Amino acid sequence: MSALDRIDKKEIRDLLGKGWLTHDGMWFYHAYKELGIEKANILNKAAIRSLAPYEISRVKKALGIAGEKIIAFEGLKDFMLEALEITLPNTVFEKFQFRASTKDTFHWEWKIGECFAYKGMKQIGVLDGYNCGVIYRIECWLETMGIAFEINPKISKCVMHEKGACSGNIRVMLNNG
């Protein structure tokens, strides 16, 4: 029996998701050490923005909706929830709440102190200068799909660090949604 036959899908997702998060954290750490926090933030956001089209394309293909344009909120809601479920390891997914709160708005919320980026930036001592890349990734997904949105609060620095909790809303504007 092959390794892929012995390991359950959730374990594979967790292994790959944790590997991605660890690589992302180590990349940020070394960019920060070599170039400083400002340049690390700029490069991090550039990497997230350029990754988004590949992520969206691959997730749509995995979900069997490649080539489809999402035009209604219900379809976007299903896509976003499924995309987060298959890309985030369970240890992250259970600490991050992302749901539709109205017919055009998503609400996100991290358990206090549990955002993986917050914990990592705290560990390396750069919370004061860190620009959040987590919610920015979701923003880039929406932009990649051509979906207009408003986010509240507007994210730049780490909200968990600045306010003690991280939550907010993303209102999307779909033509017929």
Foldseek 3Di string as FASTA:
>chain_A
DDPVVVDDLLVVLQVVLVVVLVVLLVQLLVCCVVPNLVVSQVVSLVVLLVCQLVLLQVLCVVVVNHPHADFAQVVVQVSVVSSCVRNHRPQQVVQWDWHAPDRFKIKIWGDFPRHPVSVSCVVVVNQVRHFDPPVSSVVSNCVSSVKDKDKPPDGTGDCCVVPVIDMTMIGIDGPVD
